[in-house]
Amino acid sequence: RAQFDKWYEQHKDEPFNLDESLASYCINDVEILMAALVAFRREFLEVSKWIGCAEGSNDNRQRLHETL
């Protein structure tokens, strides 16, 4: 609590732009989510030994079923 009180005393008179801060937080969240999705996709493809089936092939569905 003391650390917060010290920070508050130092910054209480600074202007705060909610719209700008929300946009910044949202962009940061999207960047984190994208990094997680890329890591998940990379791991999934490695674990499933995906070779590159033809789009729409029944093999795709079977490969996904076996992997999960």
N, C-alpha and C. Protein backbone atom coordinates (compact mmCIF):
# COMPACT_ATOMS: atom_id res chain seq x y z
N ARG A 1 0.82 -1.20 0.00
CA ARG A 1 0.00 0.00 0.00
C ARG A 1 0.86 1.26 0.00
N ALA A 2 1.94 1.21 0.74
CA ALA A 2 2.82 2.37 0.82
C ALA A 2 3.42 2.70 -0.54
N GLN A 3 3.75 1.67 -1.29
CA GLN A 3 4.33 1.88 -2.63
C GLN A 3 3.32 2.56 -3.55
N PHE A 4 2.05 2.13 -3.47
CA PHE A 4 1.01 2.75 -4.28
C PHE A 4 0.81 4.21 -3.87
N ASP A 5 0.75 4.45 -2.57
CA ASP A 5 0.56 5.83 -2.09
C ASP A 5 1.67 6.75 -2.58
N LYS A 6 2.89 6.26 -2.57
CA LYS A 6 4.03 7.04 -3.06
C LYS A 6 3.86 7.34 -4.54
N TRP A 7 3.50 6.31 -5.33
CA TRP A 7 3.29 6.50 -6.77
C TRP A 7 2.16 7.51 -7.01
N TYR A 8 1.08 7.37 -6.25
CA TYR A 8 -0.08 8.25 -6.42
C TYR A 8 0.30 9.71 -6.14
N GLU A 9 1.04 9.93 -5.10
CA GLU A 9 1.45 11.30 -4.76
C GLU A 9 2.30 11.91 -5.88
N GLN A 10 3.10 11.09 -6.53
CA GLN A 10 3.96 11.59 -7.61
C GLN A 10 3.17 11.87 -8.89
N HIS A 11 2.07 11.17 -9.11
CA HIS A 11 1.36 11.25 -10.40
C HIS A 11 -0.06 11.80 -10.33
N LYS A 12 -0.53 12.19 -9.16
CA LYS A 12 -1.94 12.57 -9.03
C LYS A 12 -2.33 13.82 -9.83
N ASP A 13 -1.38 14.66 -10.14
CA ASP A 13 -1.71 15.88 -10.89
C ASP A 13 -1.48 15.76 -12.39
N GLU A 14 -1.04 14.58 -12.84
CA GLU A 14 -0.83 14.37 -14.27
C GLU A 14 -2.16 14.08 -14.96
N PRO A 15 -2.37 14.61 -16.16
CA PRO A 15 -3.62 14.33 -16.88
C PRO A 15 -3.68 12.86 -17.30
N PHE A 16 -4.89 12.33 -17.35
CA PHE A 16 -5.10 10.94 -17.75
C PHE A 16 -6.11 10.91 -18.89
N ASN A 17 -5.72 10.36 -20.02
CA ASN A 17 -6.59 10.28 -21.18
C ASN A 17 -7.09 8.83 -21.28
N LEU A 18 -8.33 8.60 -20.85
CA LEU A 18 -8.88 7.26 -20.82
C LEU A 18 -8.94 6.63 -22.20
N ASP A 19 -9.38 7.37 -23.21
CA ASP A 19 -9.48 6.81 -24.57
C ASP A 19 -8.12 6.34 -25.07
N GLU A 20 -7.11 7.15 -24.85
CA GLU A 20 -5.76 6.79 -25.30
C GLU A 20 -5.24 5.57 -24.54
N SER A 21 -5.47 5.54 -23.25
CA SER A 21 -5.00 4.41 -22.43
C SER A 21 -5.72 3.12 -22.80
N LEU A 22 -7.03 3.20 -23.02
CA LEU A 22 -7.78 2.00 -23.41
C LEU A 22 -7.30 1.46 -24.76
N ALA A 23 -7.06 2.35 -25.70
CA ALA A 23 -6.57 1.93 -27.01
C ALA A 23 -5.21 1.25 -26.87
N SER A 24 -4.36 1.81 -26.05
CA SER A 24 -3.03 1.22 -25.83
C SER A 24 -3.14 -0.16 -25.21
N TYR A 25 -3.99 -0.30 -24.19
CA TYR A 25 -4.18 -1.61 -23.55
C TYR A 25 -4.76 -2.63 -24.53
N CYS A 26 -5.71 -2.21 -25.35
CA CYS A 26 -6.33 -3.12 -26.32
C CYS A 26 -5.31 -3.60 -27.35
N ILE A 27 -4.50 -2.69 -27.85
CA ILE A 27 -3.47 -3.07 -28.81
C ILE A 27 -2.50 -4.06 -28.18
N ASN A 28 -2.11 -3.81 -26.95
CA ASN A 28 -1.21 -4.71 -26.24
C ASN A 28 -1.85 -6.09 -26.07
N ASP A 29 -3.12 -6.13 -25.71
CA ASP A 29 -3.82 -7.41 -25.55
C ASP A 29 -3.86 -8.19 -26.87
N VAL A 30 -4.12 -7.50 -27.96
CA VAL A 30 -4.18 -8.15 -29.27
C VAL A 30 -2.81 -8.70 -29.65
N GLU A 31 -1.75 -7.95 -29.37
CA GLU A 31 -0.40 -8.43 -29.67
C GLU A 31 -0.07 -9.68 -28.87
N ILE A 32 -0.46 -9.71 -27.60
CA ILE A 32 -0.22 -10.89 -26.76
C ILE A 32 -1.02 -12.08 -27.28
N LEU A 33 -2.28 -11.87 -27.62
CA LEU A 33 -3.12 -12.94 -28.14
C LEU A 33 -2.57 -13.48 -29.46
N MET A 34 -2.12 -12.60 -30.34
CA MET A 34 -1.56 -13.04 -31.62
C MET A 34 -0.32 -13.89 -31.40
N ALA A 35 0.55 -13.47 -30.49
CA ALA A 35 1.76 -14.25 -30.20
C ALA A 35 1.39 -15.62 -29.66
N ALA A 36 0.37 -15.68 -28.82
CA ALA A 36 -0.08 -16.97 -28.27
C ALA A 36 -0.64 -17.86 -29.37
N LEU A 37 -1.42 -17.29 -30.28
CA LEU A 37 -2.00 -18.08 -31.37
C LEU A 37 -0.92 -18.60 -32.32
N VAL A 38 0.07 -17.78 -32.61
CA VAL A 38 1.17 -18.21 -33.48
C VAL A 38 1.93 -19.35 -32.81
N ALA A 39 2.20 -19.22 -31.51
CA ALA A 39 2.90 -20.28 -30.78
C ALA A 39 2.07 -21.56 -30.75
N PHE A 40 0.76 -21.43 -30.53
CA PHE A 40 -0.12 -22.60 -30.52
C PHE A 40 -0.13 -23.28 -31.88
N ARG A 41 -0.25 -22.50 -32.95
CA ARG A 41 -0.28 -23.08 -34.30
C ARG A 41 1.01 -23.82 -34.60
N ARG A 42 2.13 -23.19 -34.26
CA ARG A 42 3.43 -23.82 -34.50
C ARG A 42 3.53 -25.14 -33.75
N GLU A 43 3.14 -25.14 -32.48
CA GLU A 43 3.19 -26.35 -31.67
C GLU A 43 2.23 -27.41 -32.20
N PHE A 44 1.02 -26.98 -32.59
CA PHE A 44 0.02 -27.92 -33.11
C PHE A 44 0.53 -28.60 -34.38
N LEU A 45 1.09 -27.82 -35.29
CA LEU A 45 1.58 -28.39 -36.54
C LEU A 45 2.75 -29.34 -36.29
N GLU A 46 3.59 -29.00 -35.32
CA GLU A 46 4.71 -29.88 -35.00
C GLU A 46 4.23 -31.19 -34.38
N VAL A 47 3.30 -31.10 -33.46
CA VAL A 47 2.79 -32.29 -32.77
C VAL A 47 1.99 -33.17 -33.72
N SER A 48 1.21 -32.56 -34.60
CA SER A 48 0.35 -33.33 -35.49
C SER A 48 1.09 -33.85 -36.72
N LYS A 49 2.34 -33.44 -36.88
CA LYS A 49 3.14 -33.86 -38.03
C LYS A 49 2.45 -33.52 -39.35
N TRP A 50 1.84 -32.35 -39.39
CA TRP A 50 1.11 -31.89 -40.56
C TRP A 50 2.05 -31.77 -41.75
N ILE A 51 1.68 -32.41 -42.83
CA ILE A 51 2.52 -32.40 -44.03
C ILE A 51 1.96 -31.45 -45.08
N GLY A 52 0.68 -31.19 -45.03
CA GLY A 52 0.07 -30.30 -46.01
C GLY A 52 -0.89 -31.05 -46.89
N CYS A 53 -2.01 -31.42 -46.34
CA CYS A 53 -3.02 -32.16 -47.10
C CYS A 53 -3.74 -31.21 -48.05
N ALA A 54 -4.34 -31.77 -49.07
CA ALA A 54 -5.11 -30.98 -50.02
C ALA A 54 -6.32 -30.38 -49.31
N GLU A 55 -6.61 -29.15 -49.63
CA GLU A 55 -7.74 -28.47 -49.00
C GLU A 55 -9.04 -29.20 -49.31
N GLY A 56 -9.86 -29.40 -48.29
CA GLY A 56 -11.14 -30.07 -48.47
C GLY A 56 -11.03 -31.58 -48.44
N SER A 57 -9.86 -32.09 -48.29
CA SER A 57 -9.67 -33.53 -48.27
C SER A 57 -10.20 -34.13 -46.98
N ASN A 58 -10.74 -35.34 -47.07
CA ASN A 58 -11.19 -36.04 -45.87
C ASN A 58 -10.02 -36.38 -44.96
N ASP A 59 -8.81 -36.46 -45.53
CA ASP A 59 -7.63 -36.73 -44.72
C ASP A 59 -7.42 -35.65 -43.67
N ASN A 60 -7.77 -34.41 -44.00
CA ASN A 60 -7.63 -33.32 -43.04
C ASN A 60 -8.46 -33.58 -41.80
N ARG A 61 -9.69 -33.97 -42.01
CA ARG A 61 -10.60 -34.22 -40.90
C ARG A 61 -10.10 -35.40 -40.06
N GLN A 62 -9.66 -36.45 -40.73
CA GLN A 62 -9.16 -37.63 -40.03
C GLN A 62 -7.89 -37.29 -39.25
N ARG A 63 -6.99 -36.54 -39.85
CA ARG A 63 -5.74 -36.16 -39.19
C ARG A 63 -6.03 -35.33 -37.93
N LEU A 64 -6.96 -34.39 -38.02
CA LEU A 64 -7.34 -33.58 -36.87
C LEU A 64 -7.93 -34.46 -35.78
N HIS A 65 -8.81 -35.37 -36.15
CA HIS A 65 -9.43 -36.27 -35.18
C HIS A 65 -8.38 -37.11 -34.46
N GLU A 66 -7.43 -37.66 -35.20
CA GLU A 66 -6.38 -38.48 -34.60
C GLU A 66 -5.48 -37.67 -33.68
N THR A 67 -5.22 -36.44 -34.06
CA THR A 67 -4.33 -35.59 -33.27
C THR A 67 -4.95 -35.21 -31.94
N LEU A 68 -6.25 -34.92 -31.97
CA LEU A 68 -6.92 -34.50 -30.74
C LEU A 68 -7.23 -35.71 -29.90
